[in-house]
Amino acid sequence: MSAINPVPAMNAFNNPGQCQACKSMRQTTPVTFHRNIGMLFARQTKILQGNLCKTCIRKHYWEFMGKNLMLGPWGTISLFVTPIYMVTNTVSYVRALRNLQGAIE
């Protein structure tokens, strides 16, 4: 598992802060995405968690969802875990975009 290093949030009221993915000064919001790669008898999980801008949220959401769709359900446990990750990623994505509704990209 890996996570983006946490930085103190300066954007409690949606003020500009540094995006932890692209390092640009933009409005950010906390977001968490999960990815699962299923193998026959094992699985590999990655977690992305941090304050991201709208552009990085979209980029990482589609990256994680694509890999979940293509590589996720190929194991016994992964068959059940991947759909859960896909639902939680979508909820996190929608919530983050709602928080950044008026943000400039």
PDB file of N, CA and C in Angstrom:
ATOM      1  N   MET A   1       0.830  -1.168   0.000  1.00  0.00           N
ATOM      2  CA  MET A   1       0.000   0.000   0.000  1.00  0.00           C
ATOM      3  C   MET A   1       0.878   1.235   0.000  1.00  0.00           C
ATOM      4  N   SER A   2       0.426   2.264  -0.684  1.00  0.00           N
ATOM      5  CA  SER A   2       1.157   3.517  -0.667  1.00  0.00           C
ATOM      6  C   SER A   2       0.171   4.658  -0.542  1.00  0.00           C
ATOM      7  N   ALA A   3       0.636   5.731   0.017  1.00  0.00           N
ATOM      8  CA  ALA A   3      -0.190   6.915   0.174  1.00  0.00           C
ATOM      9  C   ALA A   3       0.667   8.135  -0.085  1.00  0.00           C
ATOM     10  N   ILE A   4       0.023   9.174  -0.544  1.00  0.00           N
ATOM     11  CA  ILE A   4       0.729  10.426  -0.730  1.00  0.00           C
ATOM     12  C   ILE A   4       0.984  11.000   0.655  1.00  0.00           C
ATOM     13  N   ASN A   5       2.195  11.513   0.885  1.00  0.00           N
ATOM     14  CA  ASN A   5       2.556  12.032   2.197  1.00  0.00           C
ATOM     15  C   ASN A   5       1.606  13.147   2.606  1.00  0.00           C
ATOM     16  N   PRO A   6       1.035  13.056   3.816  1.00  0.00           N
ATOM     17  CA  PRO A   6       0.088  14.075   4.254  1.00  0.00           C
ATOM     18  C   PRO A   6       0.793  15.396   4.548  1.00  0.00           C
ATOM     19  N   VAL A   7       0.126  16.479   4.169  1.00  0.00           N
ATOM     20  CA  VAL A   7       0.574  17.830   4.443  1.00  0.00           C
ATOM     21  C   VAL A   7      -0.550  18.503   5.204  1.00  0.00           C
ATOM     22  N   PRO A   8      -0.259  19.333   6.182  1.00  0.00           N
ATOM     23  CA  PRO A   8      -1.344  19.997   6.908  1.00  0.00           C
ATOM     24  C   PRO A   8      -2.286  20.709   5.948  1.00  0.00           C
ATOM     25  N   ALA A   9      -3.564  20.466   6.129  1.00  0.00           N
ATOM     26  CA  ALA A   9      -4.559  21.032   5.225  1.00  0.00           C
ATOM     27  C   ALA A   9      -4.719  22.521   5.499  1.00  0.00           C
ATOM     28  N   MET A  10      -4.489  23.327   4.466  1.00  0.00           N
ATOM     29  CA  MET A  10      -4.677  24.762   4.580  1.00  0.00           C
ATOM     30  C   MET A  10      -6.051  25.155   4.055  1.00  0.00           C
ATOM     31  N   ASN A  11      -6.798  24.204   3.545  1.00  0.00           N
ATOM     32  CA  ASN A  11      -8.013  24.538   2.830  1.00  0.00           C
ATOM     33  C   ASN A  11      -9.271  24.079   3.547  1.00  0.00           C
ATOM     34  N   ALA A  12      -9.384  24.385   4.826  1.00  0.00           N
ATOM     35  CA  ALA A  12     -10.555  23.965   5.577  1.00  0.00           C
ATOM     36  C   ALA A  12     -11.832  24.552   4.981  1.00  0.00           C
ATOM     37  N   PHE A  13     -11.741  25.742   4.403  1.00  0.00           N
ATOM     38  CA  PHE A  13     -12.901  26.365   3.781  1.00  0.00           C
ATOM     39  C   PHE A  13     -12.708  26.501   2.272  1.00  0.00           C
ATOM     40  N   ASN A  14     -12.047  25.525   1.692  1.00  0.00           N
ATOM     41  CA  ASN A  14     -11.818  25.467   0.250  1.00  0.00           C
ATOM     42  C   ASN A  14     -10.907  26.593  -0.233  1.00  0.00           C
ATOM     43  N   ASN A  15      -9.986  27.030   0.616  1.00  0.00           N
ATOM     44  CA  ASN A  15      -8.974  27.998   0.213  1.00  0.00           C
ATOM     45  C   ASN A  15      -7.906  27.271  -0.591  1.00  0.00           C
ATOM     46  N   PRO A  16      -7.154  28.006  -1.393  1.00  0.00           N
ATOM     47  CA  PRO A  16      -6.102  27.342  -2.167  1.00  0.00           C
ATOM     48  C   PRO A  16      -5.074  26.642  -1.278  1.00  0.00           C
ATOM     49  N   GLY A  17      -4.663  25.490  -1.699  1.00  0.00           N
ATOM     50  CA  GLY A  17      -3.634  24.716  -1.023  1.00  0.00           C
ATOM     51  C   GLY A  17      -2.820  24.005  -2.088  1.00  0.00           C
ATOM     52  N   GLN A  18      -1.801  23.308  -1.680  1.00  0.00           N
ATOM     53  CA  GLN A  18      -0.960  22.609  -2.646  1.00  0.00           C
ATOM     54  C   GLN A  18      -1.516  21.215  -2.897  1.00  0.00           C
ATOM     55  N   CYS A  19      -1.759  20.891  -4.158  1.00  0.00           N
ATOM     56  CA  CYS A  19      -2.189  19.545  -4.544  1.00  0.00           C
ATOM     57  C   CYS A  19      -1.025  18.600  -4.271  1.00  0.00           C
ATOM     58  N   GLN A  20      -1.296  17.515  -3.607  1.00  0.00           N
ATOM     59  CA  GLN A  20      -0.236  16.584  -3.234  1.00  0.00           C
ATOM     60  C   GLN A  20       0.187  15.678  -4.388  1.00  0.00           C
ATOM     61  N   ALA A  21      -0.530  15.710  -5.490  1.00  0.00           N
ATOM     62  CA  ALA A  21      -0.141  14.900  -6.644  1.00  0.00           C
ATOM     63  C   ALA A  21       0.680  15.719  -7.635  1.00  0.00           C
ATOM     64  N   CYS A  22       0.174  16.881  -8.051  1.00  0.00           N
ATOM     65  CA  CYS A  22       0.868  17.684  -9.064  1.00  0.00           C
ATOM     66  C   CYS A  22       1.647  18.854  -8.476  1.00  0.00           C
ATOM     67  N   LYS A  23       1.508  19.083  -7.174  1.00  0.00           N
ATOM     68  CA  LYS A  23       2.241  20.126  -6.436  1.00  0.00           C
ATOM     69  C   LYS A  23       1.877  21.551  -6.845  1.00  0.00           C
ATOM     70  N   SER A  24       0.786  21.762  -7.575  1.00  0.00           N
ATOM     71  CA  SER A  24       0.395  23.115  -7.950  1.00  0.00           C
ATOM     72  C   SER A  24      -0.498  23.708  -6.857  1.00  0.00           C
ATOM     73  N   MET A  25      -0.533  25.040  -6.785  1.00  0.00           N
ATOM     74  CA  MET A  25      -1.362  25.734  -5.803  1.00  0.00           C
ATOM     75  C   MET A  25      -2.754  25.916  -6.395  1.00  0.00           C
ATOM     76  N   ARG A  26      -3.680  25.103  -5.915  1.00  0.00           N
ATOM     77  CA  ARG A  26      -5.069  25.139  -6.378  1.00  0.00           C
ATOM     78  C   ARG A  26      -5.970  24.811  -5.201  1.00  0.00           C
ATOM     79  N   GLN A  27      -7.267  24.939  -5.429  1.00  0.00           N
ATOM     80  CA  GLN A  27      -8.204  24.483  -4.417  1.00  0.00           C
ATOM     81  C   GLN A  27      -8.151  22.964  -4.385  1.00  0.00           C
ATOM     82  N   THR A  28      -8.047  22.406  -3.191  1.00  0.00           N
ATOM     83  CA  THR A  28      -7.937  20.954  -3.032  1.00  0.00           C
ATOM     84  C   THR A  28      -8.977  20.468  -2.041  1.00  0.00           C
ATOM     85  N   THR A  29      -9.168  19.174  -2.050  1.00  0.00           N
ATOM     86  CA  THR A  29     -10.050  18.528  -1.083  1.00  0.00           C
ATOM     87  C   THR A  29      -9.497  17.142  -0.797  1.00  0.00           C
ATOM     88  N   PRO A  30      -9.731  16.627   0.404  1.00  0.00           N
ATOM     89  CA  PRO A  30      -9.241  15.273   0.712  1.00  0.00           C
ATOM     90  C   PRO A  30     -10.004  14.212  -0.080  1.00  0.00           C
ATOM     91  N   VAL A  31      -9.272  13.220  -0.550  1.00  0.00           N
ATOM     92  CA  VAL A  31      -9.872  12.145  -1.338  1.00  0.00           C
ATOM     93  C   VAL A  31      -9.084  10.865  -1.081  1.00  0.00           C
ATOM     94  N   THR A  32      -9.774   9.713  -1.172  1.00  0.00           N
ATOM     95  CA  THR A  32      -9.143   8.410  -1.018  1.00  0.00           C
ATOM     96  C   THR A  32      -9.652   7.486  -2.118  1.00  0.00           C
ATOM     97  N   PHE A  33      -8.724   6.879  -2.845  1.00  0.00           N
ATOM     98  CA  PHE A  33      -9.067   5.893  -3.873  1.00  0.00           C
ATOM     99  C   PHE A  33      -8.350   4.587  -3.567  1.00  0.00           C
ATOM    100  N   HIS A  34      -9.017   3.467  -3.882  1.00  0.00           N
ATOM    101  CA  HIS A  34      -8.460   2.128  -3.676  1.00  0.00           C
ATOM    102  C   HIS A  34      -8.374   1.414  -5.015  1.00  0.00           C
ATOM    103  N   ARG A  35      -7.310   0.640  -5.177  1.00  0.00           N
ATOM    104  CA  ARG A  35      -7.144  -0.174  -6.383  1.00  0.00           C
ATOM    105  C   ARG A  35      -6.815  -1.595  -5.960  1.00  0.00           C
ATOM    106  N   ASN A  36      -7.388  -2.554  -6.655  1.00  0.00           N
ATOM    107  CA  ASN A  36      -7.156  -3.957  -6.371  1.00  0.00           C
ATOM    108  C   ASN A  36      -6.733  -4.657  -7.656  1.00  0.00           C
ATOM    109  N   ILE A  37      -5.662  -5.411  -7.568  1.00  0.00           N
ATOM    110  CA  ILE A  37      -5.248  -6.262  -8.679  1.00  0.00           C
ATOM    111  C   ILE A  37      -5.344  -7.692  -8.186  1.00  0.00           C
ATOM    112  N   GLY A  38      -6.257  -8.445  -8.772  1.00  0.00           N
ATOM    113  CA  GLY A  38      -6.479  -9.817  -8.345  1.00  0.00           C
ATOM    114  C   GLY A  38      -5.593 -10.792  -9.088  1.00  0.00           C
ATOM    115  N   MET A  39      -5.021 -11.713  -8.341  1.00  0.00           N
ATOM    116  CA  MET A  39      -4.253 -12.808  -8.925  1.00  0.00           C
ATOM    117  C   MET A  39      -4.942 -14.090  -8.455  1.00  0.00           C
ATOM    118  N   LEU A  40      -4.598 -15.191  -8.985  1.00  0.00           N
ATOM    119  CA  LEU A  40      -5.337 -16.415  -8.693  1.00  0.00           C
ATOM    120  C   LEU A  40      -5.440 -16.687  -7.196  1.00  0.00           C
ATOM    121  N   PHE A  41      -4.331 -16.646  -6.478  1.00  0.00           N
ATOM    122  CA  PHE A  41      -4.361 -16.946  -5.051  1.00  0.00           C
ATOM    123  C   PHE A  41      -3.849 -15.800  -4.185  1.00  0.00           C
ATOM    124  N   ALA A  42      -3.675 -14.639  -4.754  1.00  0.00           N
ATOM    125  CA  ALA A  42      -3.192 -13.476  -4.011  1.00  0.00           C
ATOM    126  C   ALA A  42      -3.823 -12.226  -4.607  1.00  0.00           C
ATOM    127  N   ARG A  43      -3.596 -11.101  -3.964  1.00  0.00           N
ATOM    128  CA  ARG A  43      -4.073  -9.839  -4.515  1.00  0.00           C
ATOM    129  C   ARG A  43      -3.146  -8.719  -4.090  1.00  0.00           C
ATOM    130  N   GLN A  44      -3.179  -7.647  -4.845  1.00  0.00           N
ATOM    131  CA  GLN A  44      -2.327  -6.498  -4.598  1.00  0.00           C
ATOM    132  C   GLN A  44      -3.233  -5.279  -4.454  1.00  0.00           C
ATOM    133  N   THR A  45      -3.061  -4.508  -3.380  1.00  0.00           N
ATOM    134  CA  THR A  45      -3.901  -3.354  -3.115  1.00  0.00           C
ATOM    135  C   THR A  45      -3.050  -2.098  -3.069  1.00  0.00           C
ATOM    136  N   LYS A  46      -3.594  -1.013  -3.607  1.00  0.00           N
ATOM    137  CA  LYS A  46      -2.932   0.286  -3.531  1.00  0.00           C
ATOM    138  C   LYS A  46      -3.967   1.307  -3.081  1.00  0.00           C
ATOM    139  N   ILE A  47      -3.552   2.208  -2.199  1.00  0.00           N
ATOM    140  CA  ILE A  47      -4.433   3.260  -1.706  1.00  0.00           C
ATOM    141  C   ILE A  47      -3.796   4.604  -2.021  1.00  0.00           C
ATOM    142  N   LEU A  48      -4.570   5.510  -2.594  1.00  0.00           N
ATOM    143  CA  LEU A  48      -4.147   6.875  -2.834  1.00  0.00           C
ATOM    144  C   LEU A  48      -4.981   7.761  -1.925  1.00  0.00           C
ATOM    145  N   GLN A  49      -4.322   8.484  -1.050  1.00  0.00           N
ATOM    146  CA  GLN A  49      -5.035   9.320  -0.088  1.00  0.00           C
ATOM    147  C   GLN A  49      -4.292  10.640   0.054  1.00  0.00           C
ATOM    148  N   GLY A  50      -5.003  11.737  -0.095  1.00  0.00           N
ATOM    149  CA  GLY A  50      -4.378  13.040   0.053  1.00  0.00           C
ATOM    150  C   GLY A  50      -5.293  14.164  -0.373  1.00  0.00           C
ATOM    151  N   ASN A  51      -4.787  15.388  -0.297  1.00  0.00           N
ATOM    152  CA  ASN A  51      -5.507  16.568  -0.754  1.00  0.00           C
ATOM    153  C   ASN A  51      -5.146  16.790  -2.215  1.00  0.00           C
ATOM    154  N   LEU A  52      -6.129  16.622  -3.097  1.00  0.00           N
ATOM    155  CA  LEU A  52      -5.885  16.705  -4.530  1.00  0.00           C
ATOM    156  C   LEU A  52      -6.743  17.791  -5.164  1.00  0.00           C
ATOM    157  N   CYS A  53      -6.264  18.329  -6.292  1.00  0.00           N
ATOM    158  CA  CYS A  53      -7.040  19.293  -7.068  1.00  0.00           C
ATOM    159  C   CYS A  53      -8.027  18.530  -7.963  1.00  0.00           C
ATOM    160  N   LYS A  54      -8.915  19.284  -8.596  1.00  0.00           N
ATOM    161  CA  LYS A  54      -9.961  18.670  -9.421  1.00  0.00           C
ATOM    162  C   LYS A  54      -9.369  17.867 -10.584  1.00  0.00           C
ATOM    163  N   THR A  55      -8.339  18.399 -11.231  1.00  0.00           N
ATOM    164  CA  THR A  55      -7.719  17.706 -12.361  1.00  0.00           C
ATOM    165  C   THR A  55      -7.110  16.377 -11.928  1.00  0.00           C
ATOM    166  N   CYS A  56      -6.386  16.364 -10.819  1.00  0.00           N
ATOM    167  CA  CYS A  56      -5.754  15.129 -10.335  1.00  0.00           C
ATOM    168  C   CYS A  56      -6.780  14.131  -9.821  1.00  0.00           C
ATOM    169  N   ILE A  57      -7.864  14.633  -9.250  1.00  0.00           N
ATOM    170  CA  ILE A  57      -8.930  13.735  -8.788  1.00  0.00           C
ATOM    171  C   ILE A  57      -9.489  12.967  -9.979  1.00  0.00           C
ATOM    172  N   ARG A  58      -9.792  13.680 -11.053  1.00  0.00           N
ATOM    173  CA  ARG A  58     -10.328  13.017 -12.254  1.00  0.00           C
ATOM    174  C   ARG A  58      -9.320  12.032 -12.841  1.00  0.00           C
ATOM    175  N   LYS A  59      -8.079  12.460 -12.950  1.00  0.00           N
ATOM    176  CA  LYS A  59      -7.039  11.612 -13.535  1.00  0.00           C
ATOM    177  C   LYS A  59      -6.878  10.316 -12.749  1.00  0.00           C
ATOM    178  N   HIS A  60      -6.739  10.415 -11.429  1.00  0.00           N
ATOM    179  CA  HIS A  60      -6.493   9.234 -10.609  1.00  0.00           C
ATOM    180  C   HIS A  60      -7.742   8.363 -10.471  1.00  0.00           C
ATOM    181  N   TYR A  61      -8.919   8.971 -10.454  1.00  0.00           N
ATOM    182  CA  TYR A  61     -10.145   8.181 -10.392  1.00  0.00           C
ATOM    183  C   TYR A  61     -10.247   7.254 -11.606  1.00  0.00           C
ATOM    184  N   TRP A  62     -10.058   7.810 -12.804  1.00  0.00           N
ATOM    185  CA  TRP A  62     -10.199   6.987 -14.005  1.00  0.00           C
ATOM    186  C   TRP A  62      -9.072   5.967 -14.125  1.00  0.00           C
ATOM    187  N   GLU A  63      -7.885   6.324 -13.647  1.00  0.00           N
ATOM    188  CA  GLU A  63      -6.767   5.371 -13.645  1.00  0.00           C
ATOM    189  C   GLU A  63      -7.081   4.182 -12.723  1.00  0.00           C
ATOM    190  N   PHE A  64      -7.543   4.478 -11.521  1.00  0.00           N
ATOM    191  CA  PHE A  64      -7.848   3.415 -10.561  1.00  0.00           C
ATOM    192  C   PHE A  64      -9.047   2.588 -11.011  1.00  0.00           C
ATOM    193  N   MET A  65     -10.071   3.232 -11.570  1.00  0.00           N
ATOM    194  CA  MET A  65     -11.252   2.483 -12.002  1.00  0.00           C
ATOM    195  C   MET A  65     -10.934   1.589 -13.202  1.00  0.00           C
ATOM    196  N   GLY A  66     -10.103   2.070 -14.110  1.00  0.00           N
ATOM    197  CA  GLY A  66      -9.717   1.245 -15.261  1.00  0.00           C
ATOM    198  C   GLY A  66      -8.971  -0.001 -14.834  1.00  0.00           C
ATOM    199  N   LYS A  67      -8.036   0.161 -13.917  1.00  0.00           N
ATOM    200  CA  LYS A  67      -7.285  -1.006 -13.439  1.00  0.00           C
ATOM    201  C   LYS A  67      -8.170  -1.930 -12.612  1.00  0.00           C
ATOM    202  N   ASN A  68      -9.114  -1.373 -11.845  1.00  0.00           N
ATOM    203  CA  ASN A  68     -10.053  -2.221 -11.107  1.00  0.00           C
ATOM    204  C   ASN A  68     -10.904  -3.045 -12.067  1.00  0.00           C
ATOM    205  N   LEU A  69     -11.355  -2.426 -13.146  1.00  0.00           N
ATOM    206  CA  LEU A  69     -12.193  -3.144 -14.110  1.00  0.00           C
ATOM    207  C   LEU A  69     -11.431  -4.241 -14.840  1.00  0.00           C
ATOM    208  N   MET A  70     -10.214  -3.920 -15.275  1.00  0.00           N
ATOM    209  CA  MET A  70      -9.451  -4.864 -16.098  1.00  0.00           C
ATOM    210  C   MET A  70      -8.702  -5.919 -15.281  1.00  0.00           C
ATOM    211  N   LEU A  71      -8.141  -5.524 -14.150  1.00  0.00           N
ATOM    212  CA  LEU A  71      -7.268  -6.427 -13.395  1.00  0.00           C
ATOM    213  C   LEU A  71      -7.817  -6.821 -12.025  1.00  0.00           C
ATOM    214  N   GLY A  72      -8.937  -6.242 -11.621  1.00  0.00           N
ATOM    215  CA  GLY A  72      -9.440  -6.438 -10.275  1.00  0.00           C
ATOM    216  C   GLY A  72     -10.010  -7.800  -9.943  1.00  0.00           C
ATOM    217  N   PRO A  73     -10.971  -8.297 -10.687  1.00  0.00           N
ATOM    218  CA  PRO A  73     -11.722  -9.476 -10.226  1.00  0.00           C
ATOM    219  C   PRO A  73     -11.109 -10.831 -10.566  1.00  0.00           C
ATOM    220  N   TRP A  74      -9.789 -10.941 -10.682  1.00  0.00           N
ATOM    221  CA  TRP A  74      -9.170 -12.181 -11.125  1.00  0.00           C
ATOM    222  C   TRP A  74      -8.734 -13.098  -9.997  1.00  0.00           C
ATOM    223  N   GLY A  75      -9.311 -12.967  -8.837  1.00  0.00           N
ATOM    224  CA  GLY A  75      -8.983 -13.860  -7.733  1.00  0.00           C
ATOM    225  C   GLY A  75     -10.224 -14.123  -6.896  1.00  0.00           C
ATOM    226  N   THR A  76     -10.139 -15.049  -6.000  1.00  0.00           N
ATOM    227  CA  THR A  76     -11.293 -15.431  -5.192  1.00  0.00           C
ATOM    228  C   THR A  76     -11.754 -14.282  -4.305  1.00  0.00           C
ATOM    229  N   ILE A  77     -10.859 -13.737  -3.517  1.00  0.00           N
ATOM    230  CA  ILE A  77     -11.215 -12.620  -2.637  1.00  0.00           C
ATOM    231  C   ILE A  77     -11.468 -11.365  -3.469  1.00  0.00           C
ATOM    232  N   SER A  78     -10.682 -11.181  -4.495  1.00  0.00           N
ATOM    233  CA  SER A  78     -10.793  -9.992  -5.342  1.00  0.00           C
ATOM    234  C   SER A  78     -12.139  -9.902  -6.048  1.00  0.00           C
ATOM    235  N   LEU A  79     -12.752 -11.031  -6.299  1.00  0.00           N
ATOM    236  CA  LEU A  79     -14.065 -11.040  -6.934  1.00  0.00           C
ATOM    237  C   LEU A  79     -15.083 -10.274  -6.095  1.00  0.00           C
ATOM    238  N   PHE A  80     -14.907 -10.273  -4.769  1.00  0.00           N
ATOM    239  CA  PHE A  80     -15.819  -9.576  -3.868  1.00  0.00           C
ATOM    240  C   PHE A  80     -15.309  -8.188  -3.475  1.00  0.00           C
ATOM    241  N   VAL A  81     -13.993  -8.033  -3.381  1.00  0.00           N
ATOM    242  CA  VAL A  81     -13.404  -6.770  -2.925  1.00  0.00           C
ATOM    243  C   VAL A  81     -13.465  -5.695  -4.011  1.00  0.00           C
ATOM    244  N   THR A  82     -13.226  -6.054  -5.251  1.00  0.00           N
ATOM    245  CA  THR A  82     -13.165  -5.077  -6.338  1.00  0.00           C
ATOM    246  C   THR A  82     -14.463  -4.276  -6.493  1.00  0.00           C
ATOM    247  N   PRO A  83     -15.642  -4.904  -6.501  1.00  0.00           N
ATOM    248  CA  PRO A  83     -16.867  -4.090  -6.606  1.00  0.00           C
ATOM    249  C   PRO A  83     -17.038  -3.132  -5.428  1.00  0.00           C
ATOM    250  N   ILE A  84     -16.611  -3.538  -4.251  1.00  0.00           N
ATOM    251  CA  ILE A  84     -16.697  -2.649  -3.087  1.00  0.00           C
ATOM    252  C   ILE A  84     -15.790  -1.441  -3.291  1.00  0.00           C
ATOM    253  N   TYR A  85     -14.572  -1.684  -3.763  1.00  0.00           N
ATOM    254  CA  TYR A  85     -13.648  -0.587  -4.044  1.00  0.00           C
ATOM    255  C   TYR A  85     -14.208   0.340  -5.118  1.00  0.00           C
ATOM    256  N   MET A  86     -14.847  -0.212  -6.122  1.00  0.00           N
ATOM    257  CA  MET A  86     -15.392   0.608  -7.199  1.00  0.00           C
ATOM    258  C   MET A  86     -16.512   1.514  -6.690  1.00  0.00           C
ATOM    259  N   VAL A  87     -17.337   1.009  -5.811  1.00  0.00           N
ATOM    260  CA  VAL A  87     -18.418   1.828  -5.238  1.00  0.00           C
ATOM    261  C   VAL A  87     -17.832   2.913  -4.331  1.00  0.00           C
ATOM    262  N   THR A  88     -16.891   2.549  -3.463  1.00  0.00           N
ATOM    263  CA  THR A  88     -16.320   3.552  -2.557  1.00  0.00           C
ATOM    264  C   THR A  88     -15.521   4.598  -3.327  1.00  0.00           C
ATOM    265  N   ASN A  89     -14.833   4.198  -4.395  1.00  0.00           N
ATOM    266  CA  ASN A  89     -14.116   5.171  -5.223  1.00  0.00           C
ATOM    267  C   ASN A  89     -15.085   6.156  -5.876  1.00  0.00           C
ATOM    268  N   THR A  90     -16.202   5.662  -6.356  1.00  0.00           N
ATOM    269  CA  THR A  90     -17.185   6.528  -7.001  1.00  0.00           C
ATOM    270  C   THR A  90     -17.801   7.494  -5.997  1.00  0.00           C
ATOM    271  N   VAL A  91     -18.115   7.022  -4.812  1.00  0.00           N
ATOM    272  CA  VAL A  91     -18.650   7.899  -3.759  1.00  0.00           C
ATOM    273  C   VAL A  91     -17.630   8.972  -3.399  1.00  0.00           C
ATOM    274  N   SER A  92     -16.386   8.585  -3.238  1.00  0.00           N
ATOM    275  CA  SER A  92     -15.326   9.534  -2.920  1.00  0.00           C
ATOM    276  C   SER A  92     -15.133  10.552  -4.044  1.00  0.00           C
ATOM    277  N   TYR A  93     -15.196  10.101  -5.278  1.00  0.00           N
ATOM    278  CA  TYR A  93     -15.045  10.960  -6.456  1.00  0.00           C
ATOM    279  C   TYR A  93     -16.162  11.999  -6.520  1.00  0.00           C
ATOM    280  N   VAL A  94     -17.389  11.568  -6.369  1.00  0.00           N
ATOM    281  CA  VAL A  94     -18.539  12.474  -6.438  1.00  0.00           C
ATOM    282  C   VAL A  94     -18.484  13.478  -5.293  1.00  0.00           C
ATOM    283  N   ARG A  95     -18.154  13.023  -4.098  1.00  0.00           N
ATOM    284  CA  ARG A  95     -18.055  13.908  -2.933  1.00  0.00           C
ATOM    285  C   ARG A  95     -16.958  14.954  -3.144  1.00  0.00           C
ATOM    286  N   ALA A  96     -15.817  14.536  -3.664  1.00  0.00           N
ATOM    287  CA  ALA A  96     -14.697  15.465  -3.886  1.00  0.00           C
ATOM    288  C   ALA A  96     -15.061  16.502  -4.947  1.00  0.00           C
ATOM    289  N   LEU A  97     -15.684  16.075  -6.040  1.00  0.00           N
ATOM    290  CA  LEU A  97     -16.064  17.034  -7.074  1.00  0.00           C
ATOM    291  C   LEU A  97     -17.141  17.991  -6.586  1.00  0.00           C
ATOM    292  N   ARG A  98     -18.015  17.532  -5.723  1.00  0.00           N
ATOM    293  CA  ARG A  98     -19.025  18.414  -5.131  1.00  0.00           C
ATOM    294  C   ARG A  98     -18.350  19.460  -4.243  1.00  0.00           C
ATOM    295  N   ASN A  99     -17.317  19.046  -3.498  1.00  0.00           N
ATOM    296  CA  ASN A  99     -16.584  19.998  -2.651  1.00  0.00           C
ATOM    297  C   ASN A  99     -15.858  21.048  -3.487  1.00  0.00           C
ATOM    298  N   LEU A 100     -15.424  20.685  -4.683  1.00  0.00           N
ATOM    299  CA  LEU A 100     -14.672  21.595  -5.554  1.00  0.00           C
ATOM    300  C   LEU A 100     -15.533  22.120  -6.701  1.00  0.00           C
ATOM    301  N   GLN A 101     -16.812  22.237  -6.465  1.00  0.00           N
ATOM    302  CA  GLN A 101     -17.760  22.591  -7.525  1.00  0.00           C
ATOM    303  C   GLN A 101     -17.400  23.887  -8.243  1.00  0.00           C
ATOM    304  N   GLY A 102     -17.011  24.922  -7.544  1.00  0.00           N
ATOM    305  CA  GLY A 102     -16.712  26.192  -8.187  1.00  0.00           C
ATOM    306  C   GLY A 102     -15.228  26.422  -8.409  1.00  0.00           C
ATOM    307  N   ALA A 103     -14.419  25.411  -8.202  1.00  0.00           N
ATOM    308  CA  ALA A 103     -12.967  25.566  -8.297  1.00  0.00           C
ATOM    309  C   ALA A 103     -12.519  25.730  -9.740  1.00  0.00           C
ATOM    310  N   ILE A 104     -11.517  26.575  -9.927  1.00  0.00           N
ATOM    311  CA  ILE A 104     -10.943  26.786 -11.249  1.00  0.00           C
ATOM    312  C   ILE A 104      -9.888  25.723 -11.498  1.00  0.00           C
ATOM    313  N   GLU A 105      -9.881  25.132 -12.686  1.00  0.00           N
ATOM    314  CA  GLU A 105      -8.896  24.075 -12.992  1.00  0.00           C
ATOM    315  C   GLU A 105      -7.650  24.648 -13.587  1.00  0.00           C
TER     316      GLU A 105
END
